[in-house]
Amino acid sequence: MKYVLLICGDESAAEHANDGCDGWSEEMAERGVLRGGAGLRPPSDATTLRVREGEVLLSDGPFAETKEQLGGFCLIECADLDEAIEIAAAHPAAAYGTIEIRPLIEL
């Protein structure tokens, strides 16, 4: 089953942006469960798009004001939710932020 790990943190998590994953990515690649992922630039660099009544509306920054921000994601493929939880718990960001584990809809 495929899952996306959404890595979130408050503004203090930005100090970890260049830390890397401390060997986590390499370990998960060796296990054959890591399918991809990337860190994201800060919300201040975002552009938000909406289409309303056929008109494209753009705004700078994130859509919602929130304390937690999406900092990156990892795509994994594993046997089940229990294994996905074990994989996410081993990610260094779990120690200072939040990791949302979400199954993908496969077409």
PDB file of N, CA and C in Angstrom:
ATOM      1  N   MET A   1       0.845  -1.175   0.000  1.00  0.00           N
ATOM      2  CA  MET A   1       0.000   0.000   0.000  1.00  0.00           C
ATOM      3  C   MET A   1       0.893   1.242   0.000  1.00  0.00           C
ATOM      4  N   LYS A   2       0.459   2.280  -0.704  1.00  0.00           N
ATOM      5  CA  LYS A   2       1.233   3.522  -0.754  1.00  0.00           C
ATOM      6  C   LYS A   2       0.653   4.544   0.209  1.00  0.00           C
ATOM      7  N   TYR A   3       1.566   5.239   0.889  1.00  0.00           N
ATOM      8  CA  TYR A   3       1.206   6.297   1.825  1.00  0.00           C
ATOM      9  C   TYR A   3       2.071   7.516   1.551  1.00  0.00           C
ATOM     10  N   VAL A   4       1.519   8.682   1.839  1.00  0.00           N
ATOM     11  CA  VAL A   4       2.331   9.895   1.850  1.00  0.00           C
ATOM     12  C   VAL A   4       2.496  10.292   3.318  1.00  0.00           C
ATOM     13  N   LEU A   5       3.722  10.623   3.665  1.00  0.00           N
ATOM     14  CA  LEU A   5       4.013  11.144   5.000  1.00  0.00           C
ATOM     15  C   LEU A   5       4.115  12.650   4.854  1.00  0.00           C
ATOM     16  N   LEU A   6       3.172  13.374   5.424  1.00  0.00           N
ATOM     17  CA  LEU A   6       3.165  14.831   5.369  1.00  0.00           C
ATOM     18  C   LEU A   6       3.876  15.339   6.613  1.00  0.00           C
ATOM     19  N   ILE A   7       5.008  15.969   6.410  1.00  0.00           N
ATOM     20  CA  ILE A   7       5.858  16.397   7.511  1.00  0.00           C
ATOM     21  C   ILE A   7       5.537  17.842   7.842  1.00  0.00           C
ATOM     22  N   CYS A   8       5.043  18.065   9.051  1.00  0.00           N
ATOM     23  CA  CYS A   8       4.586  19.387   9.471  1.00  0.00           C
ATOM     24  C   CYS A   8       5.317  19.831  10.730  1.00  0.00           C
ATOM     25  N   GLY A   9       5.376  21.127  10.915  1.00  0.00           N
ATOM     26  CA  GLY A   9       5.963  21.668  12.127  1.00  0.00           C
ATOM     27  C   GLY A   9       5.576  23.120  12.281  1.00  0.00           C
ATOM     28  N   ASP A  10       5.778  23.655  13.468  1.00  0.00           N
ATOM     29  CA  ASP A  10       5.521  25.079  13.665  1.00  0.00           C
ATOM     30  C   ASP A  10       6.723  25.867  13.133  1.00  0.00           C
ATOM     31  N   GLU A  11       6.702  27.170  13.320  1.00  0.00           N
ATOM     32  CA  GLU A  11       7.764  28.013  12.758  1.00  0.00           C
ATOM     33  C   GLU A  11       9.151  27.641  13.274  1.00  0.00           C
ATOM     34  N   SER A  12       9.232  27.079  14.483  1.00  0.00           N
ATOM     35  CA  SER A  12      10.542  26.700  15.015  1.00  0.00           C
ATOM     36  C   SER A  12      11.141  25.522  14.257  1.00  0.00           C
ATOM     37  N   ALA A  13      10.323  24.768  13.543  1.00  0.00           N
ATOM     38  CA  ALA A  13      10.832  23.631  12.772  1.00  0.00           C
ATOM     39  C   ALA A  13      11.711  24.091  11.608  1.00  0.00           C
ATOM     40  N   ALA A  14      11.597  25.350  11.213  1.00  0.00           N
ATOM     41  CA  ALA A  14      12.404  25.871  10.109  1.00  0.00           C
ATOM     42  C   ALA A  14      13.897  25.749  10.396  1.00  0.00           C
ATOM     43  N   GLU A  15      14.282  25.758  11.665  1.00  0.00           N
ATOM     44  CA  GLU A  15      15.698  25.628  11.998  1.00  0.00           C
ATOM     45  C   GLU A  15      16.241  24.245  11.631  1.00  0.00           C
ATOM     46  N   HIS A  16      15.341  23.276  11.352  1.00  0.00           N
ATOM     47  CA  HIS A  16      15.753  21.930  10.957  1.00  0.00           C
ATOM     48  C   HIS A  16      15.726  21.744   9.440  1.00  0.00           C
ATOM     49  N   ALA A  17      15.403  22.785   8.687  1.00  0.00           N
ATOM     50  CA  ALA A  17      15.197  22.664   7.243  1.00  0.00           C
ATOM     51  C   ALA A  17      16.396  22.083   6.508  1.00  0.00           C
ATOM     52  N   ASN A  18      17.593  22.360   6.964  1.00  0.00           N
ATOM     53  CA  ASN A  18      18.783  21.877   6.270  1.00  0.00           C
ATOM     54  C   ASN A  18      19.467  20.724   7.006  1.00  0.00           C
ATOM     55  N   ASP A  19      18.784  20.145   7.980  1.00  0.00           N
ATOM     56  CA  ASP A  19      19.378  19.058   8.758  1.00  0.00           C
ATOM     57  C   ASP A  19      19.520  17.765   7.972  1.00  0.00           C
ATOM     58  N   GLY A  20      18.679  17.571   6.972  1.00  0.00           N
ATOM     59  CA  GLY A  20      18.637  16.278   6.315  1.00  0.00           C
ATOM     60  C   GLY A  20      17.872  15.296   7.175  1.00  0.00           C
ATOM     61  N   CYS A  21      17.917  14.051   6.802  1.00  0.00           N
ATOM     62  CA  CYS A  21      17.127  13.045   7.515  1.00  0.00           C
ATOM     63  C   CYS A  21      17.993  12.097   8.330  1.00  0.00           C
ATOM     64  N   ASP A  22      19.254  12.453   8.530  1.00  0.00           N
ATOM     65  CA  ASP A  22      20.137  11.712   9.434  1.00  0.00           C
ATOM     66  C   ASP A  22      20.176  10.214   9.121  1.00  0.00           C
ATOM     67  N   GLY A  23      20.249   9.883   7.818  1.00  0.00           N
ATOM     68  CA  GLY A  23      20.336   8.489   7.408  1.00  0.00           C
ATOM     69  C   GLY A  23      19.007   7.789   7.194  1.00  0.00           C
ATOM     70  N   TRP A  24      17.904   8.445   7.569  1.00  0.00           N
ATOM     71  CA  TRP A  24      16.578   7.835   7.419  1.00  0.00           C
ATOM     72  C   TRP A  24      16.288   7.510   5.961  1.00  0.00           C
ATOM     73  N   SER A  25      16.532   8.453   5.051  1.00  0.00           N
ATOM     74  CA  SER A  25      16.234   8.230   3.625  1.00  0.00           C
ATOM     75  C   SER A  25      17.013   7.041   3.079  1.00  0.00           C
ATOM     76  N   GLU A  26      18.290   6.973   3.433  1.00  0.00           N
ATOM     77  CA  GLU A  26      19.121   5.875   2.948  1.00  0.00           C
ATOM     78  C   GLU A  26      18.636   4.531   3.506  1.00  0.00           C
ATOM     79  N   GLU A  27      18.290   4.514   4.790  1.00  0.00           N
ATOM     80  CA  GLU A  27      17.795   3.279   5.404  1.00  0.00           C
ATOM     81  C   GLU A  27      16.500   2.823   4.745  1.00  0.00           C
ATOM     82  N   MET A  28      15.582   3.768   4.500  1.00  0.00           N
ATOM     83  CA  MET A  28      14.299   3.402   3.896  1.00  0.00           C
ATOM     84  C   MET A  28      14.474   2.992   2.427  1.00  0.00           C
ATOM     85  N   ALA A  29      15.418   3.604   1.729  1.00  0.00           N
ATOM     86  CA  ALA A  29      15.704   3.195   0.355  1.00  0.00           C
ATOM     87  C   ALA A  29      16.265   1.767   0.338  1.00  0.00           C
ATOM     88  N   GLU A  30      17.151   1.453   1.281  1.00  0.00           N
ATOM     89  CA  GLU A  30      17.698   0.098   1.383  1.00  0.00           C
ATOM     90  C   GLU A  30      16.609  -0.926   1.680  1.00  0.00           C
ATOM     91  N   ARG A  31      15.630  -0.539   2.482  1.00  0.00           N
ATOM     92  CA  ARG A  31      14.500  -1.429   2.788  1.00  0.00           C
ATOM     93  C   ARG A  31      13.549  -1.566   1.610  1.00  0.00           C
ATOM     94  N   GLY A  32      13.667  -0.653   0.638  1.00  0.00           N
ATOM     95  CA  GLY A  32      12.806  -0.705  -0.541  1.00  0.00           C
ATOM     96  C   GLY A  32      11.438  -0.093  -0.349  1.00  0.00           C
ATOM     97  N   VAL A  33      11.267   0.768   0.676  1.00  0.00           N
ATOM     98  CA  VAL A  33       9.946   1.357   0.925  1.00  0.00           C
ATOM     99  C   VAL A  33       9.833   2.813   0.484  1.00  0.00           C
ATOM    100  N   LEU A  34      10.951   3.499   0.319  1.00  0.00           N
ATOM    101  CA  LEU A  34      10.909   4.921  -0.047  1.00  0.00           C
ATOM    102  C   LEU A  34      10.746   5.060  -1.554  1.00  0.00           C
ATOM    103  N   ARG A  35       9.700   5.778  -1.971  1.00  0.00           N
ATOM    104  CA  ARG A  35       9.414   5.974  -3.399  1.00  0.00           C
ATOM    105  C   ARG A  35       9.702   7.398  -3.872  1.00  0.00           C
ATOM    106  N   GLY A  36       9.903   8.329  -2.944  1.00  0.00           N
ATOM    107  CA  GLY A  36      10.195   9.706  -3.324  1.00  0.00           C
ATOM    108  C   GLY A  36       9.879  10.649  -2.189  1.00  0.00           C
ATOM    109  N   GLY A  37      10.109  11.921  -2.444  1.00  0.00           N
ATOM    110  CA  GLY A  37       9.809  12.926  -1.440  1.00  0.00           C
ATOM    111  C   GLY A  37      10.648  14.167  -1.655  1.00  0.00           C
ATOM    112  N   ALA A  38      10.340  15.191  -0.905  1.00  0.00           N
ATOM    113  CA  ALA A  38      11.077  16.446  -1.012  1.00  0.00           C
ATOM    114  C   ALA A  38      10.707  17.350   0.152  1.00  0.00           C
ATOM    115  N   GLY A  39      11.643  18.211   0.516  1.00  0.00           N
ATOM    116  CA  GLY A  39      11.349  19.290   1.437  1.00  0.00           C
ATOM    117  C   GLY A  39      10.714  20.432   0.664  1.00  0.00           C
ATOM    118  N   LEU A  40       9.995  21.280   1.347  1.00  0.00           N
ATOM    119  CA  LEU A  40       9.327  22.403   0.702  1.00  0.00           C
ATOM    120  C   LEU A  40       9.909  23.723   1.193  1.00  0.00           C
ATOM    121  N   ARG A  41       9.892  24.710   0.323  1.00  0.00           N
ATOM    122  CA  ARG A  41      10.285  26.058   0.716  1.00  0.00           C
ATOM    123  C   ARG A  41       9.243  26.586   1.706  1.00  0.00           C
ATOM    124  N   PRO A  42       9.547  27.643   2.430  1.00  0.00           N
ATOM    125  CA  PRO A  42       8.606  28.132   3.453  1.00  0.00           C
ATOM    126  C   PRO A  42       7.305  28.669   2.852  1.00  0.00           C
ATOM    127  N   PRO A  43       6.238  28.694   3.664  1.00  0.00           N
ATOM    128  CA  PRO A  43       4.949  29.185   3.191  1.00  0.00           C
ATOM    129  C   PRO A  43       5.006  30.594   2.609  1.00  0.00           C
ATOM    130  N   SER A  44       5.932  31.404   3.065  1.00  0.00           N
ATOM    131  CA  SER A  44       6.036  32.765   2.529  1.00  0.00           C
ATOM    132  C   SER A  44       6.408  32.762   1.048  1.00  0.00           C
ATOM    133  N   ASP A  45       6.935  31.654   0.539  1.00  0.00           N
ATOM    134  CA  ASP A  45       7.282  31.539  -0.879  1.00  0.00           C
ATOM    135  C   ASP A  45       6.149  30.936  -1.711  1.00  0.00           C
ATOM    136  N   ALA A  46       5.037  30.611  -1.085  1.00  0.00           N
ATOM    137  CA  ALA A  46       3.930  29.946  -1.774  1.00  0.00           C
ATOM    138  C   ALA A  46       3.091  30.932  -2.580  1.00  0.00           C
ATOM    139  N   THR A  47       2.456  30.400  -3.605  1.00  0.00           N
ATOM    140  CA  THR A  47       1.405  31.103  -4.341  1.00  0.00           C
ATOM    141  C   THR A  47       0.173  30.223  -4.254  1.00  0.00           C
ATOM    142  N   THR A  48      -0.949  30.798  -3.852  1.00  0.00           N
ATOM    143  CA  THR A  48      -2.195  30.059  -3.717  1.00  0.00           C
ATOM    144  C   THR A  48      -3.106  30.426  -4.878  1.00  0.00           C
ATOM    145  N   LEU A  49      -3.712  29.404  -5.489  1.00  0.00           N
ATOM    146  CA  LEU A  49      -4.572  29.601  -6.653  1.00  0.00           C
ATOM    147  C   LEU A  49      -5.968  29.093  -6.357  1.00  0.00           C
ATOM    148  N   ARG A  50      -6.957  29.839  -6.817  1.00  0.00           N
ATOM    149  CA  ARG A  50      -8.361  29.432  -6.780  1.00  0.00           C
ATOM    150  C   ARG A  50      -8.969  29.826  -8.121  1.00  0.00           C
ATOM    151  N   VAL A  51      -9.949  29.067  -8.577  1.00  0.00           N
ATOM    152  CA  VAL A  51     -10.730  29.454  -9.751  1.00  0.00           C
ATOM    153  C   VAL A  51     -12.173  29.600  -9.290  1.00  0.00           C
ATOM    154  N   ARG A  52     -12.707  30.793  -9.450  1.00  0.00           N
ATOM    155  CA  ARG A  52     -14.083  31.080  -9.053  1.00  0.00           C
ATOM    156  C   ARG A  52     -14.795  31.734 -10.232  1.00  0.00           C
ATOM    157  N   GLU A  53     -15.895  31.107 -10.631  1.00  0.00           N
ATOM    158  CA  GLU A  53     -16.688  31.603 -11.766  1.00  0.00           C
ATOM    159  C   GLU A  53     -15.806  31.833 -12.983  1.00  0.00           C
ATOM    160  N   GLY A  54     -14.879  30.898 -13.220  1.00  0.00           N
ATOM    161  CA  GLY A  54     -14.010  30.963 -14.385  1.00  0.00           C
ATOM    162  C   GLY A  54     -12.825  31.906 -14.266  1.00  0.00           C
ATOM    163  N   GLU A  55     -12.697  32.609 -13.159  1.00  0.00           N
ATOM    164  CA  GLU A  55     -11.610  33.563 -12.978  1.00  0.00           C
ATOM    165  C   GLU A  55     -10.536  32.963 -12.069  1.00  0.00           C
ATOM    166  N   VAL A  56      -9.280  33.062 -12.517  1.00  0.00           N
ATOM    167  CA  VAL A  56      -8.155  32.585 -11.719  1.00  0.00           C
ATOM    168  C   VAL A  56      -7.787  33.666 -10.711  1.00  0.00           C
ATOM    169  N   LEU A  57      -7.792  33.296  -9.435  1.00  0.00           N
ATOM    170  CA  LEU A  57      -7.455  34.225  -8.356  1.00  0.00           C
ATOM    171  C   LEU A  57      -6.166  33.740  -7.704  1.00  0.00           C
ATOM    172  N   LEU A  58      -5.163  34.589  -7.644  1.00  0.00           N
ATOM    173  CA  LEU A  58      -3.877  34.256  -7.054  1.00  0.00           C
ATOM    174  C   LEU A  58      -3.629  35.101  -5.819  1.00  0.00           C
ATOM    175  N   SER A  59      -2.975  34.494  -4.841  1.00  0.00           N
ATOM    176  CA  SER A  59      -2.532  35.266  -3.686  1.00  0.00           C
ATOM    177  C   SER A  59      -1.171  34.748  -3.256  1.00  0.00           C
ATOM    178  N   ASP A  60      -0.385  35.627  -2.656  1.00  0.00           N
ATOM    179  CA  ASP A  60       0.929  35.241  -2.151  1.00  0.00           C
ATOM    180  C   ASP A  60       0.768  34.569  -0.803  1.00  0.00           C
ATOM    181  N   GLY A  61       1.611  33.591  -0.566  1.00  0.00           N
ATOM    182  CA  GLY A  61       1.608  32.921   0.734  1.00  0.00           C
ATOM    183  C   GLY A  61       0.567  31.835   0.806  1.00  0.00           C
ATOM    184  N   PRO A  62       0.454  31.214   1.974  1.00  0.00           N
ATOM    185  CA  PRO A  62      -0.477  30.103   2.144  1.00  0.00           C
ATOM    186  C   PRO A  62      -1.917  30.585   2.224  1.00  0.00           C
ATOM    187  N   PHE A  63      -2.835  29.676   1.953  1.00  0.00           N
ATOM    188  CA  PHE A  63      -4.254  29.993   1.992  1.00  0.00           C
ATOM    189  C   PHE A  63      -4.730  30.237   3.417  1.00  0.00           C
ATOM    190  N   ALA A  64      -4.308  29.381   4.336  1.00  0.00           N
ATOM    191  CA  ALA A  64      -4.814  29.461   5.704  1.00  0.00           C
ATOM    192  C   ALA A  64      -3.722  29.896   6.668  1.00  0.00           C
ATOM    193  N   GLU A  65      -4.098  30.693   7.631  1.00  0.00           N
ATOM    194  CA  GLU A  65      -3.186  31.031   8.727  1.00  0.00           C
ATOM    195  C   GLU A  65      -3.236  29.883   9.713  1.00  0.00           C
ATOM    196  N   THR A  66      -2.112  29.281   9.966  1.00  0.00           N
ATOM    197  CA  THR A  66      -2.063  28.149  10.874  1.00  0.00           C
ATOM    198  C   THR A  66      -0.718  28.112  11.572  1.00  0.00           C
ATOM    199  N   LYS A  67      -0.683  27.527  12.745  1.00  0.00           N
ATOM    200  CA  LYS A  67       0.591  27.429  13.467  1.00  0.00           C
ATOM    201  C   LYS A  67       1.475  26.359  12.861  1.00  0.00           C
ATOM    202  N   GLU A  68       0.881  25.250  12.392  1.00  0.00           N
ATOM    203  CA  GLU A  68       1.672  24.198  11.770  1.00  0.00           C
ATOM    204  C   GLU A  68       1.712  24.405  10.271  1.00  0.00           C
ATOM    205  N   GLN A  69       2.868  24.121   9.695  1.00  0.00           N
ATOM    206  CA  GLN A  69       3.087  24.319   8.269  1.00  0.00           C
ATOM    207  C   GLN A  69       3.611  23.029   7.664  1.00  0.00           C
ATOM    208  N   LEU A  70       3.241  22.782   6.420  1.00  0.00           N
ATOM    209  CA  LEU A  70       3.747  21.630   5.693  1.00  0.00           C
ATOM    210  C   LEU A  70       5.175  21.916   5.274  1.00  0.00           C
ATOM    211  N   GLY A  71       6.106  21.077   5.737  1.00  0.00           N
ATOM    212  CA  GLY A  71       7.517  21.296   5.457  1.00  0.00           C
ATOM    213  C   GLY A  71       8.085  20.362   4.417  1.00  0.00           C
ATOM    214  N   GLY A  72       7.392  19.266   4.141  1.00  0.00           N
ATOM    215  CA  GLY A  72       7.876  18.311   3.165  1.00  0.00           C
ATOM    216  C   GLY A  72       6.989  17.089   3.140  1.00  0.00           C
ATOM    217  N   PHE A  73       7.365  16.146   2.272  1.00  0.00           N
ATOM    218  CA  PHE A  73       6.591  14.918   2.169  1.00  0.00           C
ATOM    219  C   PHE A  73       7.504  13.781   1.743  1.00  0.00           C
ATOM    220  N   CYS A  74       7.091  12.581   2.082  1.00  0.00           N
ATOM    221  CA  CYS A  74       7.765  11.365   1.641  1.00  0.00           C
ATOM    222  C   CYS A  74       6.691  10.414   1.123  1.00  0.00           C
ATOM    223  N   LEU A  75       6.965   9.776   0.012  1.00  0.00           N
ATOM    224  CA  LEU A  75       6.070   8.764  -0.530  1.00  0.00           C
ATOM    225  C   LEU A  75       6.673   7.407  -0.202  1.00  0.00           C
ATOM    226  N   ILE A  76       5.901   6.573   0.491  1.00  0.00           N
ATOM    227  CA  ILE A  76       6.391   5.250   0.859  1.00  0.00           C
ATOM    228  C   ILE A  76       5.428   4.185   0.347  1.00  0.00           C
ATOM    229  N   GLU A  77       5.937   2.985   0.190  1.00  0.00           N
ATOM    230  CA  GLU A  77       5.106   1.838  -0.153  1.00  0.00           C
ATOM    231  C   GLU A  77       5.470   0.722   0.801  1.00  0.00           C
ATOM    232  N   CYS A  78       4.480   0.233   1.529  1.00  0.00           N
ATOM    233  CA  CYS A  78       4.738  -0.774   2.541  1.00  0.00           C
ATOM    234  C   CYS A  78       3.514  -1.681   2.679  1.00  0.00           C
ATOM    235  N   ALA A  79       3.611  -2.661   3.563  1.00  0.00           N
ATOM    236  CA  ALA A  79       2.573  -3.687   3.678  1.00  0.00           C
ATOM    237  C   ALA A  79       1.245  -3.152   4.200  1.00  0.00           C
ATOM    238  N   ASP A  80       1.300  -2.284   5.225  1.00  0.00           N
ATOM    239  CA  ASP A  80       0.063  -1.862   5.871  1.00  0.00           C
ATOM    240  C   ASP A  80       0.313  -0.626   6.733  1.00  0.00           C
ATOM    241  N   LEU A  81      -0.733  -0.159   7.389  1.00  0.00           N
ATOM    242  CA  LEU A  81      -0.637   1.037   8.227  1.00  0.00           C
ATOM    243  C   LEU A  81       0.350   0.836   9.372  1.00  0.00           C
ATOM    244  N   ASP A  82       0.387  -0.354   9.935  1.00  0.00           N
ATOM    245  CA  ASP A  82       1.329  -0.595  11.034  1.00  0.00           C
ATOM    246  C   ASP A  82       2.774  -0.354  10.591  1.00  0.00           C
ATOM    247  N   GLU A  83       3.127  -0.832   9.407  1.00  0.00           N
ATOM    248  CA  GLU A  83       4.479  -0.598   8.915  1.00  0.00           C
ATOM    249  C   GLU A  83       4.693   0.878   8.595  1.00  0.00           C
ATOM    250  N   ALA A  84       3.675   1.548   8.048  1.00  0.00           N
ATOM    251  CA  ALA A  84       3.777   2.980   7.756  1.00  0.00           C
ATOM    252  C   ALA A  84       4.013   3.771   9.043  1.00  0.00           C
ATOM    253  N   ILE A  85       3.359   3.387  10.113  1.00  0.00           N
ATOM    254  CA  ILE A  85       3.547   4.050  11.410  1.00  0.00           C
ATOM    255  C   ILE A  85       4.973   3.842  11.903  1.00  0.00           C
ATOM    256  N   GLU A  86       5.489   2.630  11.780  1.00  0.00           N
ATOM    257  CA  GLU A  86       6.863   2.337  12.190  1.00  0.00           C
ATOM    258  C   GLU A  86       7.865   3.163  11.389  1.00  0.00           C
ATOM    259  N   ILE A  87       7.632   3.286  10.086  1.00  0.00           N
ATOM    260  CA  ILE A  87       8.510   4.070   9.212  1.00  0.00           C
ATOM    261  C   ILE A  87       8.454   5.545   9.598  1.00  0.00           C
ATOM    262  N   ALA A  88       7.245   6.083   9.786  1.00  0.00           N
ATOM    263  CA  ALA A  88       7.083   7.499  10.136  1.00  0.00           C
ATOM    264  C   ALA A  88       7.694   7.806  11.495  1.00  0.00           C
ATOM    265  N   ALA A  89       7.542   6.893  12.451  1.00  0.00           N
ATOM    266  CA  ALA A  89       8.077   7.116  13.795  1.00  0.00           C
ATOM    267  C   ALA A  89       9.601   7.191  13.784  1.00  0.00           C
ATOM    268  N   ALA A  90      10.233   6.568  12.806  1.00  0.00           N
ATOM    269  CA  ALA A  90      11.691   6.586  12.709  1.00  0.00           C
ATOM    270  C   ALA A  90      12.221   7.856  12.037  1.00  0.00           C
ATOM    271  N   HIS A  91      11.334   8.636  11.407  1.00  0.00           N
ATOM    272  CA  HIS A  91      11.761   9.869  10.726  1.00  0.00           C
ATOM    273  C   HIS A  91      12.187  10.903  11.765  1.00  0.00           C
ATOM    274  N   PRO A  92      13.324  11.575  11.564  1.00  0.00           N
ATOM    275  CA  PRO A  92      13.789  12.559  12.552  1.00  0.00           C
ATOM    276  C   PRO A  92      12.782  13.670  12.842  1.00  0.00           C
ATOM    277  N   ALA A  93      11.965  14.057  11.873  1.00  0.00           N
ATOM    278  CA  ALA A  93      10.999  15.139  12.082  1.00  0.00           C
ATOM    279  C   ALA A  93       9.928  14.771  13.102  1.00  0.00           C
ATOM    280  N   ALA A  94       9.731  13.483  13.347  1.00  0.00           N
ATOM    281  CA  ALA A  94       8.734  13.070  14.335  1.00  0.00           C
ATOM    282  C   ALA A  94       9.110  13.551  15.740  1.00  0.00           C
ATOM    283  N   ALA A  95      10.402  13.830  15.951  1.00  0.00           N
ATOM    284  CA  ALA A  95      10.869  14.261  17.271  1.00  0.00           C
ATOM    285  C   ALA A  95      10.606  15.737  17.542  1.00  0.00           C
ATOM    286  N   TYR A  96      10.382  16.546  16.511  1.00  0.00           N
ATOM    287  CA  TYR A  96      10.149  17.982  16.729  1.00  0.00           C
ATOM    288  C   TYR A  96       8.899  18.504  16.026  1.00  0.00           C
ATOM    289  N   GLY A  97       8.265  17.686  15.219  1.00  0.00           N
ATOM    290  CA  GLY A  97       7.081  18.128  14.478  1.00  0.00           C
ATOM    291  C   GLY A  97       6.004  17.064  14.514  1.00  0.00           C
ATOM    292  N   THR A  98       5.208  17.047  13.468  1.00  0.00           N
ATOM    293  CA  THR A  98       4.106  16.102  13.319  1.00  0.00           C
ATOM    294  C   THR A  98       4.216  15.451  11.957  1.00  0.00           C
ATOM    295  N   ILE A  99       3.936  14.172  11.886  1.00  0.00           N
ATOM    296  CA  ILE A  99       3.896  13.486  10.594  1.00  0.00           C
ATOM    297  C   ILE A  99       2.499  12.906  10.418  1.00  0.00           C
ATOM    298  N   GLU A 100       1.813  13.388   9.404  1.00  0.00           N
ATOM    299  CA  GLU A 100       0.496  12.854   9.065  1.00  0.00           C
ATOM    300  C   GLU A 100       0.697  11.740   8.049  1.00  0.00           C
ATOM    301  N   ILE A 101       0.143  10.584   8.330  1.00  0.00           N
ATOM    302  CA  ILE A 101       0.261   9.417   7.447  1.00  0.00           C
ATOM    303  C   ILE A 101      -1.059   9.291   6.702  1.00  0.00           C
ATOM    304  N   ARG A 102      -0.989   9.412   5.373  1.00  0.00           N
ATOM    305  CA  ARG A 102      -2.226   9.392   4.623  1.00  0.00           C
ATOM    306  C   ARG A 102      -2.118   8.408   3.461  1.00  0.00           C
ATOM    307  N   PRO A 103      -3.065   7.440   3.356  1.00  0.00           N
ATOM    308  CA  PRO A 103      -3.029   6.492   2.238  1.00  0.00           C
ATOM    309  C   PRO A 103      -3.378   7.198   0.935  1.00  0.00           C
ATOM    310  N   LEU A 104      -2.757   6.723  -0.147  1.00  0.00           N
ATOM    311  CA  LEU A 104      -3.051   7.278  -1.455  1.00  0.00           C
ATOM    312  C   LEU A 104      -4.264   6.566  -2.066  1.00  0.00           C
ATOM    313  N   ILE A 105      -4.985   7.284  -2.882  1.00  0.00           N
ATOM    314  CA  ILE A 105      -6.050   6.685  -3.693  1.00  0.00           C
ATOM    315  C   ILE A 105      -5.374   6.231  -4.977  1.00  0.00           C
ATOM    316  N   GLU A 106      -5.363   4.947  -5.200  1.00  0.00           N
ATOM    317  CA  GLU A 106      -4.718   4.429  -6.404  1.00  0.00           C
ATOM    318  C   GLU A 106      -5.780   4.204  -7.474  1.00  0.00           C
ATOM    319  N   LEU A 107      -5.537   4.764  -8.634  1.00  0.00           N
ATOM    320  CA  LEU A 107      -6.496   4.650  -9.736  1.00  0.00           C
ATOM    321  C   LEU A 107      -6.219   3.420 -10.565  1.00  0.00           C
TER     322      LEU A 107
END
